[in-house]
Protein backbone atom coordinates (compact mmCIF):
# COMPACT_ATOMS: atom_id res chain seq x y z
CA MET A 1 -12.29 -46.78 167.40
CA HIS A 2 -9.24 -45.64 165.39
CA LEU A 3 -6.91 -47.76 167.55
CA VAL A 4 -9.00 -50.83 166.95
CA ARG A 5 -9.33 -50.35 163.21
CA ASP A 6 -5.73 -49.19 162.54
CA ALA A 7 -3.89 -50.52 165.57
CA LEU A 8 -0.93 -51.89 163.61
CA PRO A 9 0.71 -50.46 160.52
CA GLU A 10 0.07 -52.41 157.37
CA ALA A 11 2.78 -54.95 156.68
CA ARG A 12 4.81 -54.11 153.59
CA ASP A 13 5.87 -56.90 151.30
CA PRO A 14 9.61 -57.05 150.80
CA ALA A 15 10.84 -55.71 147.48
CA VAL A 16 11.10 -58.31 144.75
CA LEU A 17 14.66 -58.26 143.42
CA ARG A 18 15.80 -60.40 140.50
CA ILE A 19 19.20 -60.94 138.87
CA ILE A 20 18.84 -62.31 135.34
CA CYS A 21 22.01 -63.91 134.01
CA VAL A 22 22.03 -64.54 130.27
CA GLY A 23 24.37 -66.62 128.17
CA ASN A 24 25.28 -69.68 126.20
CA SER A 25 27.33 -72.23 128.13
CA TRP A 26 28.75 -73.72 124.92
CA ARG A 27 30.27 -70.53 123.47
CA SER A 28 33.22 -69.66 125.73
CA ASP A 29 32.91 -66.05 126.98
CA ASP A 30 29.23 -65.95 126.03
CA ALA A 31 28.74 -67.89 129.29
CA ALA A 32 29.91 -64.93 131.42
CA GLY A 33 26.39 -64.16 132.65
CA LEU A 34 25.80 -67.79 133.58
CA ALA A 35 29.12 -67.84 135.46
CA VAL A 36 27.91 -64.83 137.47
CA ALA A 37 24.72 -66.73 138.38
CA ARG A 38 26.66 -69.77 139.53
CA GLN A 39 29.00 -67.71 141.70
CA LEU A 40 26.07 -65.88 143.26
CA ARG A 41 24.45 -69.21 144.07
CA ALA A 42 27.67 -70.52 145.64
CA ALA A 43 27.09 -68.09 148.54
CA PRO A 44 23.34 -67.48 148.38
CA ASP A 45 21.68 -64.24 149.41
CA ASP A 46 17.94 -64.63 149.88
CA ARG A 47 17.27 -60.97 149.07
CA ALA A 48 17.43 -61.51 145.29
CA GLU A 49 16.20 -64.26 143.03
CA ILE A 50 18.84 -65.55 140.58
CA VAL A 51 17.60 -66.55 137.12
CA GLU A 52 19.74 -68.23 134.48
CA GLN A 53 18.48 -67.62 130.98
CA GLU A 54 19.69 -69.37 127.86
CA GLY A 55 17.73 -69.04 124.68
CA GLU A 56 15.57 -66.38 123.14
CA PRO A 57 16.10 -62.90 124.70
CA THR A 58 12.38 -62.13 124.44
CA ALA A 59 11.95 -64.37 127.52
CA LEU A 60 13.52 -61.45 129.41
CA ILE A 61 10.24 -59.60 129.15
CA ASP A 62 8.55 -62.19 131.36
CA SER A 63 11.49 -62.17 133.77
CA LEU A 64 11.18 -58.38 134.19
CA GLU A 65 7.52 -58.48 135.14
CA HIS A 66 6.34 -58.25 138.74
CA VAL A 67 9.70 -57.17 140.18
CA ASP A 68 10.69 -53.92 141.86
CA ALA A 69 14.29 -54.04 140.67
CA ALA A 70 16.23 -56.20 138.26
CA TRP A 71 19.77 -56.62 137.05
CA ILE A 72 20.68 -58.26 133.76
CA VAL A 73 24.16 -59.68 133.15
CA ASP A 74 25.31 -60.73 129.69
CA ALA A 75 28.45 -60.99 127.60
CA VAL A 76 28.96 -58.30 124.98
CA SER A 77 31.18 -57.76 121.98
CA SER A 78 31.61 -54.07 121.27
CA GLY A 79 35.29 -53.98 120.42
CA ALA A 80 36.37 -52.80 123.88
CA GLU A 81 39.16 -54.62 125.69
CA ALA A 82 38.22 -58.12 126.87
CA GLY A 83 37.04 -58.04 130.47
CA THR A 84 35.72 -54.47 130.31
CA VAL A 85 32.57 -54.18 132.40
CA HIS A 86 29.81 -51.92 131.09
CA ARG A 87 27.10 -50.83 133.58
CA ILE A 88 24.02 -49.06 132.29
CA ASP A 89 20.90 -47.85 134.08
CA ALA A 90 18.31 -48.98 131.55
CA VAL A 91 15.50 -47.01 133.19
CA GLU A 92 17.34 -43.73 132.63
CA GLN A 93 18.54 -44.47 129.10
CA GLU A 94 18.09 -46.87 126.23
CA LEU A 95 20.64 -49.64 125.92
CA PRO A 96 23.13 -48.92 123.15
CA SER A 97 22.32 -51.42 120.41
CA GLY A 98 25.99 -51.47 119.38
CA LEU A 99 26.86 -52.81 122.82
CA PHE A 100 24.01 -55.23 123.46
CA GLY A 101 22.71 -55.77 119.95
CA ALA A 102 24.73 -58.81 118.87
CA SER A 103 22.94 -62.08 119.42
CA THR A 104 22.72 -65.53 117.96
CA HIS A 105 18.95 -65.08 118.20
CA HIS A 106 16.52 -62.87 116.30
CA LEU A 107 16.52 -60.19 119.00
CA GLY A 108 19.31 -59.05 121.27
CA ILE A 109 19.16 -57.93 124.90
CA ALA A 110 18.75 -54.27 123.87
CA ASP A 111 15.78 -55.16 121.67
CA ALA A 112 14.13 -57.18 124.45
CA VAL A 113 14.61 -54.41 127.03
CA GLU A 114 13.28 -51.76 124.67
CA LEU A 115 10.28 -53.94 123.81
CA ALA A 116 9.61 -54.34 127.55
CA ARG A 117 9.87 -50.55 127.92
CA ALA A 118 7.35 -50.02 125.08
CA LEU A 119 4.98 -52.52 126.70
CA GLY A 120 5.28 -50.80 130.10
CA LYS A 121 6.91 -53.85 131.69
CA LEU A 122 10.21 -52.42 132.93
CA PRO A 123 10.69 -52.50 136.70
CA GLY A 124 11.33 -49.26 138.57
CA ARG A 125 15.04 -50.08 138.61
CA LEU A 126 16.89 -51.94 135.86
CA ILE A 127 20.67 -52.14 135.72
CA VAL A 128 22.35 -53.99 132.86
CA TYR A 129 25.90 -55.28 133.12
CA GLY A 130 27.75 -56.23 129.96
CA ILE A 131 31.02 -58.14 130.27
CA GLU A 132 33.19 -57.64 127.21
CA GLY A 133 34.09 -61.05 125.80
CA LYS A 134 37.08 -62.12 123.76
CA SER A 135 36.14 -65.57 122.44
CA PHE A 136 32.67 -66.62 121.37
CA HIS A 137 33.75 -69.82 119.66
CA ALA A 138 32.69 -73.30 120.73
CA GLY A 139 34.03 -74.18 124.16
CA ASN A 140 33.04 -74.04 127.78
CA ASP A 141 35.91 -72.12 129.40
CA LEU A 142 35.98 -68.38 129.99
CA THR A 143 39.07 -66.47 128.95
CA PRO A 144 41.12 -65.18 131.93
CA ALA A 145 40.10 -61.52 131.51
CA VAL A 146 36.41 -62.42 131.41
CA ALA A 147 36.72 -64.77 134.40
CA ALA A 148 38.27 -61.92 136.43
CA SER A 149 35.45 -59.59 135.38
CA VAL A 150 32.86 -62.15 136.46
CA GLU A 151 34.32 -61.90 139.98
CA ARG A 152 34.06 -58.08 139.91
CA VAL A 153 30.46 -58.14 138.68
CA VAL A 154 29.48 -60.64 141.39
CA GLU A 155 30.92 -58.30 144.05
CA SER A 156 29.14 -55.30 142.53
CA LEU A 157 25.81 -57.14 142.38
CA ARG A 158 26.07 -58.27 145.99
CA ALA A 159 26.77 -54.68 147.07
CA GLU A 160 23.92 -53.22 144.99
CA VAL A 161 21.40 -55.78 146.22
CA ALA A 162 22.45 -55.23 149.85
CA GLU A 163 22.18 -51.45 149.48
CA LEU A 164 18.77 -51.59 147.81
CA ALA A 165 17.45 -54.13 150.34
CA ARG A 166 18.69 -51.92 153.19
CA ARG A 167 16.79 -48.91 151.80
CA THR A 168 13.49 -50.75 151.26
C-alpha cells in the first residue's frame, strides 16, 4: 500500500527568485539600477524574474512578497567614491539609512525594507546592492564609473542567482 500511496516523491516547486532594480531614468546615475535590469534582460536567465521599479519605494514591499530570495539594486549617495559597489545582506542586518536613506520620495529603500521586515514580509534571502553615484542631475547618461560598476553588479547577480538555483 505504501508504494501505491507514496510511489513518487512530491514535486518541489522551483525557488522564486526576483531581482528588483530601482531608479529614475531621468536623473543620470540614479538610473544605475534600471541599467542593471536592462543588461540582465539582454541575455535572459529564466531562473530569476527581473523587475524594474520607478516611483515610490513602498512598492518594494509588494515586490518582496511570495519570493524565496530577492536582490535589490539601487543607486546611492553616501560620499564614497563614484562607482563603489556596496553589498549588504539585509536579512542579517538593517540597511544603513545613511547609505540607502536618500530618496526623492517620502521613504527611501532602507525605510521600505525595514517596514517589510516589521510586517514579516522579507524573503528568506535579501541582498541589496548600492551603486555609488556621482551625478543625480537631470540627464539620461550614466557617468563612466557608474557604468563600469553596473557591469560588475550584473556579473555578480548572475553568479549569485546561478549558485542559489544550483543549491535549490
